[in-house]
N, C-alpha and C. Protein backbone atom coordinates (compact mmCIF):
# COMPACT_ATOMS: atom_id res chain seq x y z
N MET A 1 11.19 -2.42 25.94
CA MET A 1 12.18 -2.26 24.94
C MET A 1 13.13 -0.98 25.75
N THR A 2 13.95 -1.09 25.74
CA THR A 2 15.10 -0.90 26.57
C THR A 2 15.72 0.38 25.67
N GLU A 3 16.82 0.88 26.48
CA GLU A 3 17.20 2.38 26.03
C GLU A 3 18.00 1.85 24.67
N THR A 4 18.91 0.64 25.05
CA THR A 4 19.83 0.14 24.29
C THR A 4 18.72 -0.23 22.48
N GLU A 5 18.00 -0.64 22.74
CA GLU A 5 17.40 -0.50 21.41
C GLU A 5 16.28 0.35 20.89
N VAL A 6 16.19 1.34 21.91
CA VAL A 6 15.63 2.30 21.07
C VAL A 6 16.66 3.41 20.70
N LEU A 7 17.70 3.73 21.17
CA LEU A 7 18.85 4.78 20.66
C LEU A 7 19.31 3.61 19.38
N SER A 8 19.30 1.94 19.34
CA SER A 8 20.08 1.32 18.19
C SER A 8 18.94 1.45 17.11
N ILE A 9 17.81 1.40 16.97
CA ILE A 9 16.17 2.21 16.39
C ILE A 9 16.66 3.39 15.63
N LEU A 10 16.96 4.29 16.57
CA LEU A 10 17.39 5.73 16.31
C LEU A 10 17.96 6.16 15.09
N ARG A 11 19.33 5.18 15.40
CA ARG A 11 20.30 5.17 14.86
C ARG A 11 20.35 4.51 13.76
N GLU A 12 19.19 3.98 13.37
CA GLU A 12 19.30 3.22 12.16
C GLU A 12 18.19 4.32 11.19
N PHE A 13 17.62 4.53 11.93
CA PHE A 13 16.64 5.90 11.23
C PHE A 13 17.79 7.07 10.59
N LEU A 14 18.17 7.82 11.36
CA LEU A 14 19.15 8.62 10.78
C LEU A 14 20.20 8.20 10.14
N TRP A 15 20.50 7.14 9.65
CA TRP A 15 21.07 6.68 8.74
C TRP A 15 20.86 6.02 7.78
N ALA A 16 19.34 5.90 7.30
CA ALA A 16 18.47 5.63 6.69
C ALA A 16 18.02 6.91 5.82
N ALA A 17 18.10 8.44 6.64
CA ALA A 17 17.72 9.15 6.23
C ALA A 17 18.91 9.73 5.43
N ALA A 18 19.99 9.88 6.03
CA ALA A 18 21.64 10.20 5.45
C ALA A 18 21.41 9.79 3.87
N LEU A 19 21.10 8.32 3.75
CA LEU A 19 21.24 7.72 2.63
C LEU A 19 19.77 7.95 1.79
N ILE A 20 19.03 8.34 2.29
CA ILE A 20 17.88 8.94 1.19
C ILE A 20 17.98 10.21 0.53
N SER A 21 18.74 10.96 1.40
CA SER A 21 19.10 12.09 1.25
C SER A 21 20.66 12.93 0.32
N ALA A 22 21.24 11.68 0.30
CA ALA A 22 22.39 11.53 -0.57
C ALA A 22 22.53 11.79 -1.59
N PRO A 23 21.65 11.24 -2.55
CA PRO A 23 21.78 11.24 -4.28
C PRO A 23 21.34 12.71 -4.30
N LEU A 24 20.24 13.15 -3.72
CA LEU A 24 19.95 15.19 -4.30
C LEU A 24 21.11 16.26 -3.31
N LEU A 25 21.53 15.85 -2.25
CA LEU A 25 22.52 16.72 -1.83
C LEU A 25 23.80 16.59 -2.49
N GLY A 26 23.84 15.68 -3.03
CA GLY A 26 25.09 15.15 -3.83
C GLY A 26 25.09 16.18 -4.91
N THR A 27 24.11 16.17 -5.52
CA THR A 27 23.62 16.25 -6.95
C THR A 27 23.43 18.01 -6.60
N ALA A 28 22.96 18.39 -5.37
CA ALA A 28 22.98 19.76 -5.33
C ALA A 28 24.09 20.65 -5.43
N LEU A 29 25.12 20.06 -4.57
CA LEU A 29 26.65 20.23 -4.27
C LEU A 29 27.06 20.32 -5.57
N PHE A 30 27.17 19.29 -6.18
CA PHE A 30 27.95 19.24 -7.99
C PHE A 30 27.46 20.53 -8.64
N VAL A 31 26.26 20.46 -9.07
CA VAL A 31 25.47 21.62 -9.66
C VAL A 31 26.07 22.77 -9.04
N GLY A 32 26.07 22.97 -7.62
CA GLY A 32 26.13 24.34 -7.10
C GLY A 32 27.58 24.95 -7.69
N ILE A 33 28.84 24.10 -7.74
CA ILE A 33 30.26 23.96 -7.68
C ILE A 33 30.38 24.35 -9.41
N VAL A 34 29.55 23.40 -10.17
CA VAL A 34 29.82 23.69 -11.76
C VAL A 34 29.10 25.30 -11.88
N VAL A 35 27.91 25.44 -11.67
CA VAL A 35 27.33 26.69 -11.86
C VAL A 35 28.55 28.17 -11.20
N GLY A 36 28.70 28.12 -9.45
CA GLY A 36 29.81 28.73 -9.13
C GLY A 36 30.82 28.88 -10.03
N LEU A 37 31.45 27.61 -10.54
CA LEU A 37 32.87 28.07 -11.72
C LEU A 37 32.15 28.75 -12.55
N LEU A 38 31.12 28.17 -13.30
CA LEU A 38 30.95 29.48 -14.43
C LEU A 38 30.46 30.58 -14.68
N GLN A 39 29.72 31.03 -13.81
CA GLN A 39 30.10 32.30 -12.95
C GLN A 39 31.04 33.39 -12.60
N ALA A 40 32.16 32.67 -11.88
CA ALA A 40 32.96 33.20 -11.51
C ALA A 40 34.16 33.05 -13.23
N LEU A 41 33.75 32.73 -13.64
CA LEU A 41 34.51 32.37 -15.17
C LEU A 41 34.02 33.40 -15.99
N THR A 42 32.78 33.75 -16.06
CA THR A 42 32.08 34.54 -16.84
C THR A 42 31.95 36.15 -16.31
N SER A 43 31.98 35.98 -15.28
CA SER A 43 31.77 37.59 -14.25
C SER A 43 29.87 37.65 -14.36
N ILE A 44 29.43 36.46 -14.51
CA ILE A 44 27.58 36.62 -15.12
C ILE A 44 27.15 36.16 -13.36
N GLN A 45 26.36 37.21 -12.30
CA GLN A 45 26.01 37.08 -11.40
C GLN A 45 24.42 36.91 -11.17
N GLU A 46 24.06 36.40 -12.25
CA GLU A 46 22.36 36.27 -12.29
C GLU A 46 22.19 35.00 -11.48
N MET A 47 20.81 35.58 -10.33
CA MET A 47 20.51 34.75 -8.76
C MET A 47 19.86 32.80 -9.81
N THR A 48 19.16 33.73 -10.99
CA THR A 48 17.84 32.41 -11.54
C THR A 48 18.60 31.44 -11.95
N LEU A 49 20.15 31.67 -12.53
CA LEU A 49 21.35 31.04 -13.21
C LEU A 49 21.74 29.60 -12.04
N THR A 50 21.67 29.96 -10.91
CA THR A 50 22.31 29.11 -10.01
C THR A 50 21.08 28.14 -9.18
N PHE A 51 19.76 28.91 -9.49
CA PHE A 51 18.57 28.25 -8.86
C PHE A 51 17.75 27.00 -9.89
N VAL A 52 17.36 27.61 -11.59
CA VAL A 52 16.94 26.61 -12.31
C VAL A 52 17.71 26.05 -12.47
N PRO A 53 19.13 25.64 -12.45
CA PRO A 53 19.79 24.60 -13.20
C PRO A 53 19.69 23.76 -11.58
N LYS A 54 19.58 23.99 -10.61
CA LYS A 54 19.97 23.17 -9.31
C LYS A 54 18.45 22.36 -9.76
N ILE A 55 17.56 22.97 -9.84
CA ILE A 55 16.01 22.62 -9.57
C ILE A 55 15.75 21.46 -10.74
N ALA A 56 16.17 21.59 -11.82
CA ALA A 56 16.01 21.12 -13.07
C ALA A 56 16.76 19.65 -12.42
N VAL A 57 18.16 19.76 -12.20
CA VAL A 57 19.08 18.56 -12.12
C VAL A 57 18.62 18.33 -10.88
N MET A 58 17.95 18.41 -9.51
CA MET A 58 17.42 17.85 -8.88
C MET A 58 16.34 16.89 -8.62
N LEU A 59 15.59 17.94 -9.42
CA LEU A 59 14.10 16.64 -10.27
C LEU A 59 14.33 15.53 -11.30
N ILE A 60 15.52 15.62 -11.95
CA ILE A 60 15.39 14.44 -12.86
C ILE A 60 16.53 13.13 -11.14
N VAL A 61 17.33 13.58 -11.01
CA VAL A 61 17.83 12.94 -9.82
C VAL A 61 16.48 12.15 -8.73
N PHE A 62 15.74 13.28 -8.63
CA PHE A 62 14.90 12.35 -7.70
C PHE A 62 14.16 11.51 -8.47
N PHE A 63 13.40 11.69 -9.63
CA PHE A 63 13.24 10.47 -10.34
C PHE A 63 13.85 9.33 -10.47
N LEU A 64 15.39 9.54 -10.69
CA LEU A 64 15.65 8.37 -10.84
C LEU A 64 16.34 7.37 -9.86
N SER A 65 16.22 8.09 -8.99
CA SER A 65 16.42 7.68 -7.76
C SER A 65 15.72 7.10 -6.82
N SER A 66 13.95 7.39 -6.87
CA SER A 66 13.28 7.58 -6.23
C SER A 66 12.77 5.55 -5.88
N GLY A 67 13.33 5.17 -6.65
CA GLY A 67 13.25 3.28 -6.37
C GLY A 67 14.15 2.83 -5.35
N TYR A 68 15.44 3.85 -5.41
CA TYR A 68 16.26 3.73 -4.27
C TYR A 68 15.82 4.16 -2.95
N MET A 69 15.64 5.20 -2.85
CA MET A 69 14.27 5.84 -1.88
C MET A 69 13.63 5.06 -1.19
N ALA A 70 12.86 4.54 -1.96
CA ALA A 70 11.42 3.58 -1.41
C ALA A 70 12.06 2.27 -1.05
N ARG A 71 13.21 1.64 -1.42
CA ARG A 71 13.99 0.27 -0.84
C ARG A 71 14.21 0.55 0.48
N VAL A 72 15.36 1.64 0.78
CA VAL A 72 15.63 2.34 2.15
C VAL A 72 14.61 1.67 2.84
N CYS A 73 13.37 2.83 2.26
CA CYS A 73 12.35 2.98 3.41
C CYS A 73 11.97 1.57 3.59
N LEU A 74 11.51 0.79 2.77
CA LEU A 74 10.89 -0.65 2.82
C LEU A 74 11.40 -1.44 3.90
N SER A 75 12.95 -1.76 3.36
CA SER A 75 14.13 -2.28 4.00
C SER A 75 14.19 -2.01 5.83
N LEU A 76 13.98 -0.63 5.86
CA LEU A 76 14.27 -0.04 7.27
C LEU A 76 12.99 -0.52 7.88
N PHE A 77 11.38 0.23 7.33
CA PHE A 77 10.23 -0.30 8.31
C PHE A 77 10.16 -1.93 8.40
N ASN A 78 10.67 -3.17 7.24
CA ASN A 78 10.85 -4.23 7.57
C ASN A 78 11.80 -4.77 8.60
N GLU A 79 12.86 -3.96 8.77
CA GLU A 79 14.26 -5.01 9.79
C GLU A 79 13.37 -4.10 10.78
N GLN A 80 13.10 -3.00 11.02
CA GLN A 80 13.33 -2.28 12.42
C GLN A 80 11.70 -2.01 13.18
N VAL A 81 10.83 -1.57 12.47
CA VAL A 81 9.34 -0.96 12.89
C VAL A 81 8.39 -2.62 12.73
N LEU A 82 8.59 -3.33 12.15
CA LEU A 82 8.03 -4.69 11.97
C LEU A 82 8.30 -5.55 13.22
N PRO A 83 9.45 -5.47 13.71
CA PRO A 83 9.88 -6.48 14.73
C PRO A 83 9.31 -5.81 16.02
N VAL A 84 9.22 -4.35 16.31
CA VAL A 84 8.21 -3.68 16.99
C VAL A 84 7.24 -4.08 17.14
N ILE A 85 6.34 -3.88 16.35
CA ILE A 85 5.48 -3.88 16.63
C ILE A 85 4.77 -5.20 16.79
N ALA A 86 5.53 -6.55 16.02
CA ALA A 86 4.70 -7.86 16.47
C ALA A 86 5.41 -8.17 17.86
N GLN A 87 5.78 -7.22 18.90
CA GLN A 87 6.23 -7.97 20.15
C GLN A 87 5.08 -7.34 20.86
């Protein structure tokens, strides 16, 4: 296995990690901005007001996108890891 192949596999793994984490990170960003705007408009500065909605929405998004995350992991395994093991 050459250095180029190793770097290619590493690049694929990093790209898959970005794809897997994108739904959760995007949701956390969106909910954080919405809650921050609501806090700024109402002058309510409660810490649990930012934490609880983020956790609740992220759990929902995690369960909805878990199939997508599994497909990304399986395709990465089938395309990158199995050919290396078969050699």
